[in-house]
Amino acid sequence: MKSITLKGMLVAFILLFQTPFSFGEIISPNELAKIMDEENVIIVSARSPEDYGKVHIKGAVNVWHKDLYKDGEIKALLRGSEEIAKILGDKGVSEKNTIVVYDGGENKLAGRLYWILDYLGCDDVRILNGQMKMWRKARKPVTKEATTVSPASFAASPDEGEIASTEYVKGHLKDANVIIVDVRNKDEYDGIKGETERKGHIPGSIQFEYKNVLNEDGTI
């Protein structure tokens, strides 16, 4: 059984926090506005279909992260890579594109989608710094009209080393060379709140909420 609930968010934010500009993983509204009409650039809204329908960046397509998960009791387990590749291709996304992802402002949805795309082998994935909030503040073009999509071919090359299985975590709880990071808030870590009946955290994990790498305005 594979689990990406913690891993996906951790990779997306810790990676960006450590090397924010050397690999071009963060892009500002002004920078995106300069390249958004280039043929190989595709903008992906990670917001819900309802939010996308209300307003989105002009030219953006909508990829809802929940469509990429299996059905079942355990949430957020990825579908097979070929299934996801088909979904992305139908949205006009190719692994060869320069892909810019964004969400409403909290960075969680964009971070999750960023990681999934990276895991599947996309070489050039970027996160819009400040998300939709900063895009609108910069008075860049938005629309309510859905973008006309031309299907693309998406060839997935998943990197299984980016996923930690439940068995791996269980087997390394006392390994001094393995650090397990819980990116949820302190109440969730302490078991005061939570989405499941078994609240709390993985034994030995440290709490480092993802918001620690964000400024008050939502920029990274």
Foldseek 3Di string as FASTA:
>chain_A
DFDCPQLLLCCLQVVCLVPVPPLDQEDELVRCLVCVPPPQEAEEEQEDPVVLLVKDAPRHFYDHQQVQADDDDDPDHGDDLVVVQQVCLQRQDALAGQYEYAYDFQCRSSSNVQSVSVQQPRRHYHYHFRGPLNNVVVVHDMDNDHHDHDGHGYRGDGDCVSIQGPVNCVVCLPPPVDAAEGQDDPCQQCQVDDDDPDGHDDPRHYYHHSCVSADPSRGD
